Amino acid sequence: MPARLSSRPPATRAQEDPLVGRVLDGKFTIEALIARGAMGKVYRANQGSLGRSCAVKVLTAPEGEGSEGEFHRRFLREASIGAKLTHPSTVTIFDYGVDGELYYIAMELLEGRTLARMLREEGPLDEARATHVARQICRSLREAHTLGVVHRDLKPPTSSSWTATRRKRATS
């Protein structure tokens, strides 16, 4: 059976996501949805005061009795510690906060591919490159662990191969 054609015009990005076009916390103009996951969404944004592009991760607090207070405490702790991480293979956090019911972390916008996409496009890595990637990820995690942060979602889609001019990234 052929697909039915709609007489409605296609939805714009702003119609698809209510945050697109919104200014978050008076600082970040949300421009486009980049990715979504179990805990929230990541957007391309512009930090107007500094005139730079950034990524803004907007987290969703879990529903349930007492869980919001615990989420709030964990968010503030992990975001403040994450902002102290300086390893070259760790994304730089610029800012974090709460705007109404939205918890956000503003961070460096990375240009490049996720490790999952790279593997899909290029196939398995040779031993030397795989070892290099693993070492960079482990070194980044080591710094986080020394500050008490445990990465709860480490997998190829959350590890990236970046093109960055200011520092060498994990799979360069």
N, C-alpha and C. Protein backbone atom coordinates (compact mmCIF):
# COMPACT_ATOMS: atom_id res chain seq x y z
N MET A 1 0.84 -1.17 0.00
CA MET A 1 0.00 0.00 0.00
C MET A 1 0.89 1.24 0.00
N PRO A 2 0.66 2.18 -0.93
CA PRO A 2 1.49 3.37 -0.99
C PRO A 2 1.27 4.27 0.22
N ALA A 3 2.30 5.03 0.56
CA ALA A 3 2.20 5.98 1.67
C ALA A 3 1.24 7.09 1.30
N ARG A 4 0.47 7.55 2.26
CA ARG A 4 -0.47 8.65 2.03
C ARG A 4 0.29 9.96 2.10
N LEU A 5 0.00 10.83 1.19
CA LEU A 5 0.61 12.15 1.19
C LEU A 5 -0.24 13.08 2.05
N SER A 6 0.42 13.87 2.83
CA SER A 6 -0.27 14.82 3.70
C SER A 6 -0.41 16.14 2.97
N SER A 7 -1.54 16.80 3.19
CA SER A 7 -1.72 18.12 2.60
C SER A 7 -1.11 19.20 3.48
N ARG A 8 -0.66 18.83 4.69
CA ARG A 8 -0.04 19.79 5.58
C ARG A 8 1.40 20.05 5.15
N PRO A 9 1.89 21.27 5.33
CA PRO A 9 3.30 21.54 5.02
C PRO A 9 4.19 20.78 6.00
N PRO A 10 5.43 20.45 5.60
CA PRO A 10 6.32 19.75 6.52
C PRO A 10 6.61 20.58 7.75
N ALA A 11 6.77 19.90 8.87
CA ALA A 11 7.05 20.59 10.14
C ALA A 11 8.43 21.21 10.10
N THR A 12 8.56 22.38 10.66
CA THR A 12 9.88 23.00 10.77
C THR A 12 10.54 22.47 12.03
N ARG A 13 11.84 22.72 12.18
CA ARG A 13 12.56 22.29 13.38
C ARG A 13 11.92 22.87 14.64
N ALA A 14 11.50 24.14 14.57
CA ALA A 14 10.89 24.76 15.74
C ALA A 14 9.59 24.06 16.11
N GLN A 15 8.84 23.60 15.10
CA GLN A 15 7.61 22.87 15.39
C GLN A 15 7.93 21.48 15.94
N GLU A 16 9.04 20.90 15.50
CA GLU A 16 9.41 19.57 15.95
C GLU A 16 9.87 19.58 17.40
N ASP A 17 10.52 20.63 17.83
CA ASP A 17 11.04 20.70 19.19
C ASP A 17 10.77 22.08 19.77
N PRO A 18 10.06 22.14 20.89
CA PRO A 18 9.68 23.44 21.44
C PRO A 18 10.84 24.29 21.96
N LEU A 19 12.02 23.70 22.17
CA LEU A 19 13.14 24.51 22.67
C LEU A 19 13.87 25.25 21.55
N VAL A 20 13.74 24.79 20.31
CA VAL A 20 14.42 25.47 19.21
C VAL A 20 13.86 26.89 19.09
N GLY A 21 14.77 27.87 19.13
CA GLY A 21 14.40 29.28 19.08
C GLY A 21 14.30 29.93 20.46
N ARG A 22 14.27 29.13 21.50
CA ARG A 22 14.15 29.65 22.87
C ARG A 22 15.52 30.09 23.38
N VAL A 23 15.53 31.10 24.23
CA VAL A 23 16.76 31.53 24.91
C VAL A 23 16.74 30.89 26.29
N LEU A 24 17.69 30.04 26.55
CA LEU A 24 17.76 29.29 27.79
C LEU A 24 18.54 30.07 28.83
N ASP A 25 17.91 30.32 29.96
CA ASP A 25 18.53 30.99 31.10
C ASP A 25 19.09 32.37 30.73
N GLY A 26 18.52 32.99 29.70
CA GLY A 26 18.96 34.31 29.27
C GLY A 26 20.34 34.33 28.63
N LYS A 27 20.91 33.14 28.33
CA LYS A 27 22.29 33.05 27.85
C LYS A 27 22.46 32.32 26.52
N PHE A 28 21.69 31.28 26.30
CA PHE A 28 21.93 30.37 25.18
C PHE A 28 20.71 30.31 24.27
N THR A 29 20.88 30.73 23.01
CA THR A 29 19.81 30.64 22.03
C THR A 29 19.89 29.26 21.39
N ILE A 30 18.85 28.47 21.58
CA ILE A 30 18.81 27.11 21.05
C ILE A 30 18.53 27.19 19.55
N GLU A 31 19.43 26.60 18.75
CA GLU A 31 19.33 26.70 17.30
C GLU A 31 18.81 25.44 16.63
N ALA A 32 19.24 24.27 17.10
CA ALA A 32 18.83 23.03 16.43
C ALA A 32 19.05 21.84 17.36
N LEU A 33 18.23 20.83 17.20
CA LEU A 33 18.39 19.59 17.93
C LEU A 33 19.51 18.79 17.26
N ILE A 34 20.49 18.33 18.04
CA ILE A 34 21.60 17.53 17.52
C ILE A 34 21.36 16.06 17.77
N ALA A 35 20.97 15.72 19.00
CA ALA A 35 20.79 14.31 19.37
C ALA A 35 19.84 14.21 20.55
N ARG A 36 19.31 13.01 20.72
CA ARG A 36 18.46 12.75 21.87
C ARG A 36 18.84 11.41 22.47
N GLY A 37 18.67 11.30 23.77
CA GLY A 37 19.00 10.07 24.47
C GLY A 37 18.01 9.83 25.59
N ALA A 38 18.30 8.83 26.40
CA ALA A 38 17.39 8.45 27.48
C ALA A 38 17.26 9.54 28.54
N MET A 39 18.32 10.30 28.76
CA MET A 39 18.32 11.31 29.83
C MET A 39 17.98 12.71 29.34
N GLY A 40 17.88 12.93 28.03
CA GLY A 40 17.58 14.27 27.55
C GLY A 40 17.96 14.46 26.11
N LYS A 41 18.20 15.71 25.75
CA LYS A 41 18.51 16.09 24.37
C LYS A 41 19.73 17.00 24.34
N VAL A 42 20.42 16.99 23.20
CA VAL A 42 21.57 17.87 22.99
C VAL A 42 21.23 18.78 21.81
N TYR A 43 21.48 20.07 22.00
CA TYR A 43 21.17 21.08 21.00
C TYR A 43 22.42 21.85 20.60
N ARG A 44 22.42 22.35 19.37
CA ARG A 44 23.38 23.37 18.95
C ARG A 44 22.79 24.68 19.44
N ALA A 45 23.64 25.51 20.05
CA ALA A 45 23.16 26.78 20.59
C ALA A 45 24.20 27.85 20.34
N ASN A 46 23.80 29.08 20.57
CA ASN A 46 24.71 30.21 20.49
C ASN A 46 24.73 30.90 21.83
N GLN A 47 25.93 31.07 22.37
CA GLN A 47 26.09 31.80 23.62
C GLN A 47 26.30 33.25 23.23
N GLY A 48 25.22 34.01 23.23
CA GLY A 48 25.21 35.37 22.71
C GLY A 48 26.24 36.29 23.32
N SER A 49 26.43 36.21 24.63
CA SER A 49 27.35 37.13 25.29
C SER A 49 28.78 36.96 24.81
N LEU A 50 29.13 35.75 24.36
CA LEU A 50 30.48 35.50 23.87
C LEU A 50 30.53 35.28 22.36
N GLY A 51 29.35 35.24 21.73
CA GLY A 51 29.29 35.06 20.29
C GLY A 51 29.87 33.74 19.81
N ARG A 52 29.70 32.69 20.60
CA ARG A 52 30.26 31.39 20.18
C ARG A 52 29.18 30.33 20.12
N SER A 53 29.39 29.38 19.23
CA SER A 53 28.52 28.22 19.16
C SER A 53 28.91 27.25 20.27
N CYS A 54 27.92 26.55 20.78
CA CYS A 54 28.18 25.56 21.81
C CYS A 54 27.12 24.48 21.72
N ALA A 55 27.31 23.43 22.48
CA ALA A 55 26.29 22.39 22.62
C ALA A 55 25.65 22.58 23.98
N VAL A 56 24.35 22.41 24.04
CA VAL A 56 23.64 22.48 25.32
C VAL A 56 22.88 21.18 25.50
N LYS A 57 23.23 20.47 26.57
CA LYS A 57 22.55 19.23 26.91
C LYS A 57 21.46 19.58 27.91
N VAL A 58 20.22 19.28 27.57
CA VAL A 58 19.09 19.53 28.45
C VAL A 58 18.63 18.19 28.99
N LEU A 59 18.70 18.06 30.31
CA LEU A 59 18.39 16.79 30.97
C LEU A 59 16.97 16.79 31.49
N THR A 60 16.38 15.62 31.51
CA THR A 60 15.03 15.44 32.00
C THR A 60 15.07 14.80 33.37
N ALA A 61 14.50 15.47 34.35
CA ALA A 61 14.45 14.91 35.70
C ALA A 61 13.48 13.73 35.71
N PRO A 62 13.85 12.65 36.39
CA PRO A 62 12.95 11.49 36.46
C PRO A 62 11.71 11.81 37.28
N GLU A 63 10.63 11.13 36.95
CA GLU A 63 9.40 11.33 37.70
C GLU A 63 9.33 10.31 38.83
N GLY A 64 8.68 10.68 39.90
CA GLY A 64 8.53 9.76 41.01
C GLY A 64 8.77 10.46 42.33
N GLU A 65 8.32 9.84 43.38
CA GLU A 65 8.42 10.43 44.71
C GLU A 65 9.87 10.62 45.13
N GLY A 66 10.23 11.83 45.47
CA GLY A 66 11.54 12.12 46.01
C GLY A 66 12.68 12.08 45.01
N SER A 67 12.43 11.64 43.80
CA SER A 67 13.52 11.48 42.84
C SER A 67 14.03 12.82 42.31
N GLU A 68 13.16 13.83 42.26
CA GLU A 68 13.58 15.12 41.71
C GLU A 68 14.64 15.79 42.57
N GLY A 69 14.47 15.74 43.89
CA GLY A 69 15.47 16.32 44.79
C GLY A 69 16.81 15.63 44.65
N GLU A 70 16.80 14.31 44.56
CA GLU A 70 18.04 13.56 44.38
C GLU A 70 18.66 13.87 43.02
N PHE A 71 17.84 13.95 41.98
CA PHE A 71 18.33 14.30 40.65
C PHE A 71 18.99 15.67 40.68
N HIS A 72 18.35 16.64 41.32
CA HIS A 72 18.88 18.00 41.40
C HIS A 72 20.24 18.01 42.09
N ARG A 73 20.36 17.33 43.21
CA ARG A 73 21.64 17.27 43.94
C ARG A 73 22.72 16.59 43.09
N ARG A 74 22.38 15.46 42.47
CA ARG A 74 23.36 14.73 41.65
C ARG A 74 23.77 15.56 40.44
N PHE A 75 22.80 16.23 39.80
CA PHE A 75 23.09 17.08 38.65
C PHE A 75 24.10 18.17 39.02
N LEU A 76 23.81 18.91 40.09
CA LEU A 76 24.70 20.00 40.49
C LEU A 76 26.09 19.49 40.86
N ARG A 77 26.16 18.37 41.54
CA ARG A 77 27.46 17.80 41.93
C ARG A 77 28.25 17.38 40.70
N GLU A 78 27.63 16.59 39.84
CA GLU A 78 28.34 16.08 38.67
C GLU A 78 28.69 17.18 37.69
N ALA A 79 27.81 18.16 37.49
CA ALA A 79 28.11 19.26 36.57
C ALA A 79 29.25 20.11 37.10
N SER A 80 29.26 20.39 38.40
CA SER A 80 30.34 21.22 38.95
C SER A 80 31.68 20.49 38.90
N ILE A 81 31.66 19.19 39.15
CA ILE A 81 32.91 18.41 39.05
C ILE A 81 33.32 18.29 37.58
N GLY A 82 32.35 18.02 36.71
CA GLY A 82 32.65 17.89 35.27
C GLY A 82 33.27 19.15 34.70
N ALA A 83 32.88 20.30 35.23
CA ALA A 83 33.43 21.57 34.76
C ALA A 83 34.90 21.73 35.13
N LYS A 84 35.37 20.92 36.06
CA LYS A 84 36.78 20.96 36.48
C LYS A 84 37.67 20.04 35.65
N LEU A 85 37.09 19.21 34.81
CA LEU A 85 37.88 18.26 34.01
C LEU A 85 38.63 19.00 32.91
N THR A 86 39.91 18.65 32.74
CA THR A 86 40.74 19.37 31.78
C THR A 86 41.46 18.47 30.78
N HIS A 87 41.23 17.18 30.84
CA HIS A 87 41.95 16.28 29.92
C HIS A 87 41.61 16.64 28.47
N PRO A 88 42.58 16.62 27.58
CA PRO A 88 42.34 16.99 26.18
C PRO A 88 41.27 16.14 25.48
N SER A 89 40.99 14.96 25.97
CA SER A 89 39.97 14.11 25.36
C SER A 89 38.61 14.22 26.05
N THR A 90 38.48 15.18 26.92
CA THR A 90 37.22 15.41 27.62
C THR A 90 36.62 16.71 27.14
N VAL A 91 35.34 16.69 26.83
CA VAL A 91 34.66 17.90 26.37
C VAL A 91 34.71 18.95 27.49
N THR A 92 34.88 20.21 27.11
CA THR A 92 34.95 21.30 28.08
C THR A 92 33.55 21.82 28.39
N ILE A 93 33.22 21.87 29.68
CA ILE A 93 31.93 22.42 30.11
C ILE A 93 32.12 23.92 30.34
N PHE A 94 31.24 24.72 29.71
CA PHE A 94 31.29 26.17 29.84
C PHE A 94 30.42 26.68 30.99
N ASP A 95 29.26 26.05 31.16
CA ASP A 95 28.29 26.57 32.12
C ASP A 95 27.27 25.46 32.40
N TYR A 96 26.54 25.61 33.48
CA TYR A 96 25.44 24.69 33.77
C TYR A 96 24.46 25.41 34.67
N GLY A 97 23.23 24.92 34.71
CA GLY A 97 22.25 25.56 35.55
C GLY A 97 20.87 24.97 35.38
N VAL A 98 19.91 25.66 35.96
CA VAL A 98 18.52 25.24 35.91
C VAL A 98 17.71 26.45 35.44
N ASP A 99 16.90 26.26 34.41
CA ASP A 99 16.02 27.31 33.90
C ASP A 99 14.60 26.77 34.01
N GLY A 100 13.89 27.20 35.03
CA GLY A 100 12.56 26.64 35.27
C GLY A 100 12.71 25.17 35.66
N GLU A 101 12.14 24.29 34.85
CA GLU A 101 12.26 22.86 35.10
C GLU A 101 13.33 22.20 34.24
N LEU A 102 14.07 23.01 33.49
CA LEU A 102 15.09 22.47 32.58
C LEU A 102 16.47 22.53 33.22
N TYR A 103 17.10 21.38 33.31
CA TYR A 103 18.48 21.28 33.78
C TYR A 103 19.36 21.25 32.54
N TYR A 104 20.39 22.08 32.49
CA TYR A 104 21.21 22.12 31.28
C TYR A 104 22.69 22.18 31.62
N ILE A 105 23.47 21.69 30.65
CA ILE A 105 24.93 21.80 30.70
C ILE A 105 25.35 22.34 29.34
N ALA A 106 26.02 23.50 29.33
CA ALA A 106 26.53 24.08 28.08
C ALA A 106 27.98 23.66 27.96
N MET A 107 28.34 23.19 26.78
CA MET A 107 29.69 22.67 26.59
C MET A 107 30.20 22.95 25.19
N GLU A 108 31.45 22.65 25.03
CA GLU A 108 32.13 22.76 23.75
C GLU A 108 31.34 22.00 22.68
N LEU A 109 31.15 22.63 21.53
CA LEU A 109 30.49 21.99 20.40
C LEU A 109 31.55 21.27 19.58
N LEU A 110 31.42 19.98 19.45
CA LEU A 110 32.41 19.18 18.73
C LEU A 110 31.96 18.94 17.30
N GLU A 111 32.86 19.13 16.39
CA GLU A 111 32.60 18.83 14.98
C GLU A 111 33.27 17.50 14.68
N GLY A 112 32.57 16.59 14.12
CA GLY A 112 33.17 15.29 13.81
C GLY A 112 32.13 14.19 13.90
N ARG A 113 32.63 12.98 14.04
CA ARG A 113 31.75 11.81 14.08
C ARG A 113 31.85 11.12 15.43
N THR A 114 30.78 10.44 15.79
CA THR A 114 30.86 9.59 16.96
C THR A 114 31.70 8.38 16.60
N LEU A 115 32.22 7.72 17.60
CA LEU A 115 32.96 6.49 17.38
C LEU A 115 32.07 5.45 16.71
N ALA A 116 30.81 5.39 17.08
CA ALA A 116 29.87 4.44 16.46
C ALA A 116 29.75 4.70 14.96
N ARG A 117 29.62 5.96 14.58
CA ARG A 117 29.50 6.29 13.15
C ARG A 117 30.79 5.95 12.40
N MET A 118 31.93 6.26 13.02
CA MET A 118 33.21 5.95 12.39
C MET A 118 33.33 4.44 12.15
N LEU A 119 32.95 3.64 13.13
CA LEU A 119 33.03 2.19 12.98
C LEU A 119 32.07 1.70 11.91
N ARG A 120 30.89 2.30 11.85
CA ARG A 120 29.92 1.92 10.82
C ARG A 120 30.44 2.25 9.43
N GLU A 121 31.07 3.41 9.27
CA GLU A 121 31.55 3.85 7.96
C GLU A 121 32.85 3.19 7.54
N GLU A 122 33.76 2.94 8.50
CA GLU A 122 35.09 2.45 8.17
C GLU A 122 35.34 1.00 8.55
N GLY A 123 34.45 0.43 9.36
CA GLY A 123 34.67 -0.92 9.83
C GLY A 123 35.59 -0.94 11.03
N PRO A 124 36.01 -2.14 11.45
CA PRO A 124 36.86 -2.26 12.64
C PRO A 124 38.17 -1.47 12.50
N LEU A 125 38.63 -0.95 13.62
CA LEU A 125 39.89 -0.22 13.65
C LEU A 125 41.04 -1.21 13.69
N ASP A 126 42.16 -0.81 13.10
CA ASP A 126 43.34 -1.67 13.22
C ASP A 126 43.83 -1.60 14.67
N GLU A 127 44.69 -2.53 15.05
CA GLU A 127 45.10 -2.65 16.44
C GLU A 127 45.72 -1.36 17.00
N ALA A 128 46.58 -0.73 16.23
CA ALA A 128 47.25 0.48 16.72
C ALA A 128 46.24 1.61 16.96
N ARG A 129 45.33 1.80 16.02
CA ARG A 129 44.35 2.87 16.17
C ARG A 129 43.37 2.58 17.31
N ALA A 130 42.94 1.34 17.42
CA ALA A 130 42.03 0.94 18.50
C ALA A 130 42.69 1.16 19.86
N THR A 131 43.97 0.83 19.95
CA THR A 131 44.71 1.02 21.20
C THR A 131 44.81 2.51 21.53
N HIS A 132 45.08 3.33 20.53
CA HIS A 132 45.17 4.77 20.73
C HIS A 132 43.84 5.33 21.24
N VAL A 133 42.75 4.94 20.61
CA VAL A 133 41.42 5.40 21.01
C VAL A 133 41.13 4.96 22.45
N ALA A 134 41.37 3.69 22.74
CA ALA A 134 41.10 3.16 24.08
C ALA A 134 41.92 3.90 25.15
N ARG A 135 43.19 4.16 24.85
CA ARG A 135 44.03 4.88 25.82
C ARG A 135 43.50 6.28 26.11
N GLN A 136 43.09 6.99 25.06
CA GLN A 136 42.59 8.35 25.26
C GLN A 136 41.30 8.34 26.08
N ILE A 137 40.42 7.40 25.80
CA ILE A 137 39.17 7.30 26.56
C ILE A 137 39.49 6.96 28.01
N CYS A 138 40.37 6.00 28.23
CA CYS A 138 40.73 5.60 29.60
C CYS A 138 41.41 6.73 30.37
N ARG A 139 42.25 7.50 29.71
CA ARG A 139 42.91 8.62 30.38
C ARG A 139 41.89 9.70 30.77
N SER A 140 40.94 9.94 29.90
CA SER A 140 39.89 10.89 30.22
C SER A 140 39.06 10.39 31.40
N LEU A 141 38.71 9.11 31.38
CA LEU A 141 37.94 8.53 32.48
C LEU A 141 38.72 8.53 33.79
N ARG A 142 40.02 8.30 33.71
CA ARG A 142 40.85 8.30 34.92
C ARG A 142 40.76 9.65 35.63
N GLU A 143 40.85 10.74 34.85
CA GLU A 143 40.73 12.06 35.47
C GLU A 143 39.36 12.22 36.12
N ALA A 144 38.31 11.81 35.43
CA ALA A 144 36.96 11.92 35.99
C ALA A 144 36.83 11.10 37.27
N HIS A 145 37.36 9.89 37.25
CA HIS A 145 37.27 9.02 38.43
C HIS A 145 38.02 9.59 39.62
N THR A 146 39.15 10.26 39.39
CA THR A 146 39.88 10.85 40.53
C THR A 146 39.08 11.96 41.21
N LEU A 147 38.12 12.55 40.46
CA LEU A 147 37.26 13.59 41.04
C LEU A 147 35.92 13.03 41.50
N GLY A 148 35.76 11.71 41.42
CA GLY A 148 34.54 11.08 41.91
C GLY A 148 33.41 10.97 40.91
N VAL A 149 33.67 11.20 39.62
CA VAL A 149 32.63 11.09 38.61
C VAL A 149 32.72 9.73 37.95
N VAL A 150 31.57 9.07 37.84
CA VAL A 150 31.49 7.79 37.14
C VAL A 150 30.63 8.03 35.90
N HIS A 151 31.19 7.79 34.72
CA HIS A 151 30.45 7.96 33.47
C HIS A 151 29.45 6.82 33.37
N ARG A 152 28.18 7.15 33.26
CA ARG A 152 27.14 6.13 33.30
C ARG A 152 26.64 5.72 31.93
N ASP A 153 27.21 6.29 30.88
CA ASP A 153 26.69 6.01 29.54
C ASP A 153 27.81 5.94 28.52
N LEU A 154 28.89 5.26 28.86
CA LEU A 154 30.04 5.18 27.96
C LEU A 154 29.80 4.08 26.92
N LYS A 155 29.78 4.48 25.65
CA LYS A 155 29.56 3.57 24.53
C LYS A 155 29.98 4.31 23.26
N PRO A 156 30.14 3.60 22.16
CA PRO A 156 30.59 4.27 20.92
C PRO A 156 29.78 5.49 20.50
N PRO A 157 28.45 5.52 20.67
CA PRO A 157 27.74 6.74 20.27
C PRO A 157 28.04 7.95 21.15
N THR A 158 28.59 7.75 22.36
CA THR A 158 28.91 8.89 23.22
C THR A 158 30.40 9.19 23.25
N SER A 159 31.17 8.49 22.42
CA SER A 159 32.59 8.77 22.26
C SER A 159 32.76 9.31 20.85
N SER A 160 33.58 10.32 20.70
CA SER A 160 33.65 10.99 19.41
C SER A 160 35.03 11.02 18.81
N SER A 161 35.03 11.15 17.50
CA SER A 161 36.23 11.40 16.72
C SER A 161 36.11 12.84 16.26
N TRP A 162 36.89 13.72 16.86
CA TRP A 162 36.69 15.15 16.65
C TRP A 162 37.72 15.75 15.71
N THR A 163 37.28 16.78 15.04
CA THR A 163 38.18 17.64 14.30
C THR A 163 38.24 18.92 15.08
N ALA A 164 39.32 19.12 15.79
CA ALA A 164 39.43 20.32 16.62
C ALA A 164 40.80 20.93 16.38
N THR A 165 40.84 22.24 16.27
CA THR A 165 42.11 22.89 16.00
C THR A 165 42.89 23.19 17.27
N ARG A 166 42.19 23.32 18.40
CA ARG A 166 42.89 23.74 19.60
C ARG A 166 43.51 22.60 20.38
N ARG A 167 43.09 21.36 20.14
CA ARG A 167 43.70 20.24 20.84
C ARG A 167 43.38 18.92 20.14
N LYS A 168 44.21 17.97 20.35
CA LYS A 168 44.04 16.67 19.73
C LYS A 168 42.98 15.89 20.49
N ARG A 169 42.12 15.22 19.78
CA ARG A 169 41.02 14.49 20.37
C ARG A 169 41.27 12.98 20.35
N ALA A 170 40.34 12.24 20.94
CA ALA A 170 40.50 10.81 21.20
C ALA A 170 40.88 9.98 19.97
N THR A 171 40.25 10.17 18.85
CA THR A 171 40.51 9.28 17.72
C THR A 171 41.14 9.98 16.54
N SER A 172 41.77 11.09 16.76
CA SER A 172 42.42 11.84 15.67
C SER A 172 43.56 11.01 15.10
